[in-house]
Amino acid sequence: MMWVLGADADEAAGQASLETISGLVSQHGGQLAAAEAWGRRTLSYPIKKNKEGSYFLAHFTMEQARVPEFERALNLNQDIIRYLVVIPDTKQPKKREGKRAGRSEAATPAASS
């Protein structure tokens, strides 16, 4: 998960935010693996009248069914101006079957020496 605090957030607010996220993760049955501050950066476009923001990154595990409840709690936090929770795809990718899959070695051009 990545989140951004507004331009008015100082280092103490950032530390409090890390603790809040850690508490929310454990409150929703997850386990926090790592959390770090990425520092203040200029935003690509203004978000809620902020041109700069403090970025944070956290890696955690949580049941997928509990994520919407977790995101609702994030929406209630007024300090967070933007967040992104990434849920990894656990499905196995299908093997591609196309024109290239049916080619044999005889159909490919021989390498010249």
C-alpha atoms as a PDB file:
ATOM      1  CA  MET A   1       0.000   0.000   0.000  1.00  0.00           C
ATOM      2  CA  MET A   2       1.178   3.497  -0.768  1.00  0.00           C
ATOM      3  CA  TRP A   3      -0.302   6.656   0.691  1.00  0.00           C
ATOM      4  CA  VAL A   4       0.322  10.388   0.498  1.00  0.00           C
ATOM      5  CA  LEU A   5      -0.072  12.958   3.267  1.00  0.00           C
ATOM      6  CA  GLY A   6      -0.760  16.608   2.501  1.00  0.00           C
ATOM      7  CA  ALA A   7       1.862  19.350   2.323  1.00  0.00           C
ATOM      8  CA  ASP A   8       1.113  20.509   5.871  1.00  0.00           C
ATOM      9  CA  ALA A   9       2.238  17.163   7.368  1.00  0.00           C
ATOM     10  CA  ASP A  10       5.543  17.310   9.215  1.00  0.00           C
ATOM     11  CA  GLU A  11       7.808  14.465  10.343  1.00  0.00           C
ATOM     12  CA  ALA A  12       5.769  13.890  13.510  1.00  0.00           C
ATOM     13  CA  ALA A  13       2.559  13.606  11.465  1.00  0.00           C
ATOM     14  CA  GLY A  14       4.308  11.125   9.186  1.00  0.00           C
ATOM     15  CA  GLN A  15       5.382   8.986  12.135  1.00  0.00           C
ATOM     16  CA  ALA A  16       1.850   9.144  13.528  1.00  0.00           C
ATOM     17  CA  SER A  17       0.528   8.077  10.126  1.00  0.00           C
ATOM     18  CA  LEU A  18       2.836   5.046  10.075  1.00  0.00           C
ATOM     19  CA  GLU A  19       1.580   4.052  13.520  1.00  0.00           C
ATOM     20  CA  THR A  20      -2.045   4.592  12.456  1.00  0.00           C
ATOM     21  CA  ILE A  21      -1.643   2.383   9.378  1.00  0.00           C
ATOM     22  CA  SER A  22       0.092  -0.276  11.464  1.00  0.00           C
ATOM     23  CA  GLY A  23      -2.811  -0.208  13.915  1.00  0.00           C
ATOM     24  CA  LEU A  24      -5.414  -0.368  11.137  1.00  0.00           C
ATOM     25  CA  VAL A  25      -3.680  -3.341   9.538  1.00  0.00           C
ATOM     26  CA  SER A  26      -3.591  -5.295  12.790  1.00  0.00           C
ATOM     27  CA  GLN A  27      -7.152  -4.201  13.652  1.00  0.00           C
ATOM     28  CA  HIS A  28      -8.366  -5.726  10.376  1.00  0.00           C
ATOM     29  CA  GLY A  29      -6.551  -9.009  10.915  1.00  0.00           C
ATOM     30  CA  GLY A  30      -3.438  -8.292   8.862  1.00  0.00           C
ATOM     31  CA  GLN A  31       0.267  -8.404   9.559  1.00  0.00           C
ATOM     32  CA  LEU A  32       2.564  -5.534   8.685  1.00  0.00           C
ATOM     33  CA  ALA A  33       5.797  -6.754   7.074  1.00  0.00           C
ATOM     34  CA  ALA A  34       7.518  -3.403   6.447  1.00  0.00           C
ATOM     35  CA  ALA A  35       6.763   0.313   6.372  1.00  0.00           C
ATOM     36  CA  GLU A  36       8.898   3.207   5.234  1.00  0.00           C
ATOM     37  CA  ALA A  37       8.727   6.900   4.514  1.00  0.00           C
ATOM     38  CA  TRP A  38       9.701   7.968   0.992  1.00  0.00           C
ATOM     39  CA  GLY A  39       9.839  11.652   1.823  1.00  0.00           C
ATOM     40  CA  ARG A  40       8.305  14.829   0.422  1.00  0.00           C
ATOM     41  CA  ARG A  41       7.786  15.051  -3.330  1.00  0.00           C
ATOM     42  CA  THR A  42       6.061  17.342  -5.791  1.00  0.00           C
ATOM     43  CA  LEU A  43       2.741  15.928  -6.976  1.00  0.00           C
ATOM     44  CA  SER A  44       2.058  15.556 -10.704  1.00  0.00           C
ATOM     45  CA  TYR A  45      -1.187  17.469 -10.263  1.00  0.00           C
ATOM     46  CA  PRO A  46      -2.832  19.194  -7.291  1.00  0.00           C
ATOM     47  CA  ILE A  47      -4.748  16.894  -4.959  1.00  0.00           C
ATOM     48  CA  LYS A  48      -7.110  18.634  -2.522  1.00  0.00           C
ATOM     49  CA  LYS A  49      -5.214  21.912  -3.097  1.00  0.00           C
ATOM     50  CA  ASN A  50      -1.838  20.291  -2.283  1.00  0.00           C
ATOM     51  CA  LYS A  51       1.083  20.650  -4.696  1.00  0.00           C
ATOM     52  CA  GLU A  52       3.441  18.580  -2.550  1.00  0.00           C
ATOM     53  CA  GLY A  53       2.962  15.505  -0.426  1.00  0.00           C
ATOM     54  CA  SER A  54       4.810  13.095   1.837  1.00  0.00           C
ATOM     55  CA  TYR A  55       4.868   9.557   0.434  1.00  0.00           C
ATOM     56  CA  PHE A  56       4.779   6.363   2.501  1.00  0.00           C
ATOM     57  CA  LEU A  57       4.924   2.680   1.582  1.00  0.00           C
ATOM     58  CA  ALA A  58       3.794  -0.343   3.606  1.00  0.00           C
ATOM     59  CA  HIS A  59       3.881  -4.049   2.822  1.00  0.00           C
ATOM     60  CA  PHE A  60       1.374  -6.191   4.672  1.00  0.00           C
ATOM     61  CA  THR A  61      -0.761  -9.299   4.351  1.00  0.00           C
ATOM     62  CA  MET A  62      -4.495  -9.360   4.955  1.00  0.00           C
ATOM     63  CA  GLU A  63      -7.470 -11.458   3.932  1.00  0.00           C
ATOM     64  CA  GLN A  64      -8.802 -10.095   0.665  1.00  0.00           C
ATOM     65  CA  ALA A  65     -12.348  -9.982   2.061  1.00  0.00           C
ATOM     66  CA  ARG A  66     -11.218  -7.496   4.747  1.00  0.00           C
ATOM     67  CA  VAL A  67      -9.634  -5.013   2.308  1.00  0.00           C
ATOM     68  CA  PRO A  68     -12.830  -2.994   1.555  1.00  0.00           C
ATOM     69  CA  GLU A  69     -13.369  -2.519   5.301  1.00  0.00           C
ATOM     70  CA  PHE A  70      -9.726  -1.432   5.630  1.00  0.00           C
ATOM     71  CA  GLU A  71     -10.137   1.062   2.760  1.00  0.00           C
ATOM     72  CA  ARG A  72     -13.237   2.537   4.427  1.00  0.00           C
ATOM     73  CA  ALA A  73     -11.139   3.218   7.508  1.00  0.00           C
ATOM     74  CA  LEU A  74      -8.498   4.887   5.303  1.00  0.00           C
ATOM     75  CA  ASN A  75     -11.139   7.149   3.762  1.00  0.00           C
ATOM     76  CA  LEU A  76     -12.022   8.422   7.244  1.00  0.00           C
ATOM     77  CA  ASN A  77      -8.451   9.579   7.866  1.00  0.00           C
ATOM     78  CA  GLN A  78      -8.356  13.286   6.945  1.00  0.00           C
ATOM     79  CA  ASP A  79      -4.537  13.426   6.760  1.00  0.00           C
ATOM     80  CA  ILE A  80      -4.301  10.960   3.854  1.00  0.00           C
ATOM     81  CA  ILE A  81      -4.963  12.754   0.572  1.00  0.00           C
ATOM     82  CA  ARG A  82      -4.465   9.705  -1.664  1.00  0.00           C
ATOM     83  CA  TYR A  83      -3.801   5.992  -1.194  1.00  0.00           C
ATOM     84  CA  LEU A  84      -3.439   2.869  -3.289  1.00  0.00           C
ATOM     85  CA  VAL A  85      -3.895  -0.658  -1.993  1.00  0.00           C
ATOM     86  CA  VAL A  86      -2.565  -3.317  -4.371  1.00  0.00           C
ATOM     87  CA  ILE A  87      -3.967  -6.824  -4.239  1.00  0.00           C
ATOM     88  CA  PRO A  88      -1.650  -9.267  -6.037  1.00  0.00           C
ATOM     89  CA  ASP A  89      -3.250 -11.601  -8.554  1.00  0.00           C
ATOM     90  CA  THR A  90      -2.993 -15.136  -7.187  1.00  0.00           C
ATOM     91  CA  LYS A  91      -4.428 -16.847 -10.275  1.00  0.00           C
ATOM     92  CA  GLN A  92      -2.022 -18.721 -12.500  1.00  0.00           C
ATOM     93  CA  PRO A  93      -1.613 -17.029 -15.879  1.00  0.00           C
ATOM     94  CA  LYS A  94      -2.884 -19.004 -18.857  1.00  0.00           C
ATOM     95  CA  LYS A  95      -0.343 -20.112 -21.408  1.00  0.00           C
ATOM     96  CA  ARG A  96      -0.644 -18.105 -24.569  1.00  0.00           C
ATOM     97  CA  GLU A  97      -1.740 -20.071 -27.563  1.00  0.00           C
ATOM     98  CA  GLY A  98      -1.384 -18.125 -30.727  1.00  0.00           C
ATOM     99  CA  LYS A  99       0.355 -18.165 -34.057  1.00  0.00           C
ATOM    100  CA  ARG A 100       3.789 -18.499 -32.486  1.00  0.00           C
ATOM    101  CA  ALA A 101       2.847 -21.441 -30.271  1.00  0.00           C
ATOM    102  CA  GLY A 102       2.066 -23.613 -33.314  1.00  0.00           C
ATOM    103  CA  ARG A 103       5.316 -22.958 -35.155  1.00  0.00           C
ATOM    104  CA  SER A 104       7.764 -25.756 -35.499  1.00  0.00           C
ATOM    105  CA  GLU A 105      11.524 -25.463 -35.775  1.00  0.00           C
ATOM    106  CA  ALA A 106      11.352 -26.294 -39.487  1.00  0.00           C
ATOM    107  CA  ALA A 107       9.156 -23.252 -40.111  1.00  0.00           C
ATOM    108  CA  THR A 108      11.652 -20.827 -38.597  1.00  0.00           C
ATOM    109  CA  PRO A 109      14.381 -19.438 -40.851  1.00  0.00           C
ATOM    110  CA  ALA A 110      17.785 -21.040 -40.468  1.00  0.00           C
ATOM    111  CA  ALA A 111      20.617 -18.959 -39.045  1.00  0.00           C
ATOM    112  CA  SER A 112      23.366 -18.232 -41.541  1.00  0.00           C
ATOM    113  CA  SER A 113      26.944 -18.951 -40.532  1.00  0.00           C
END
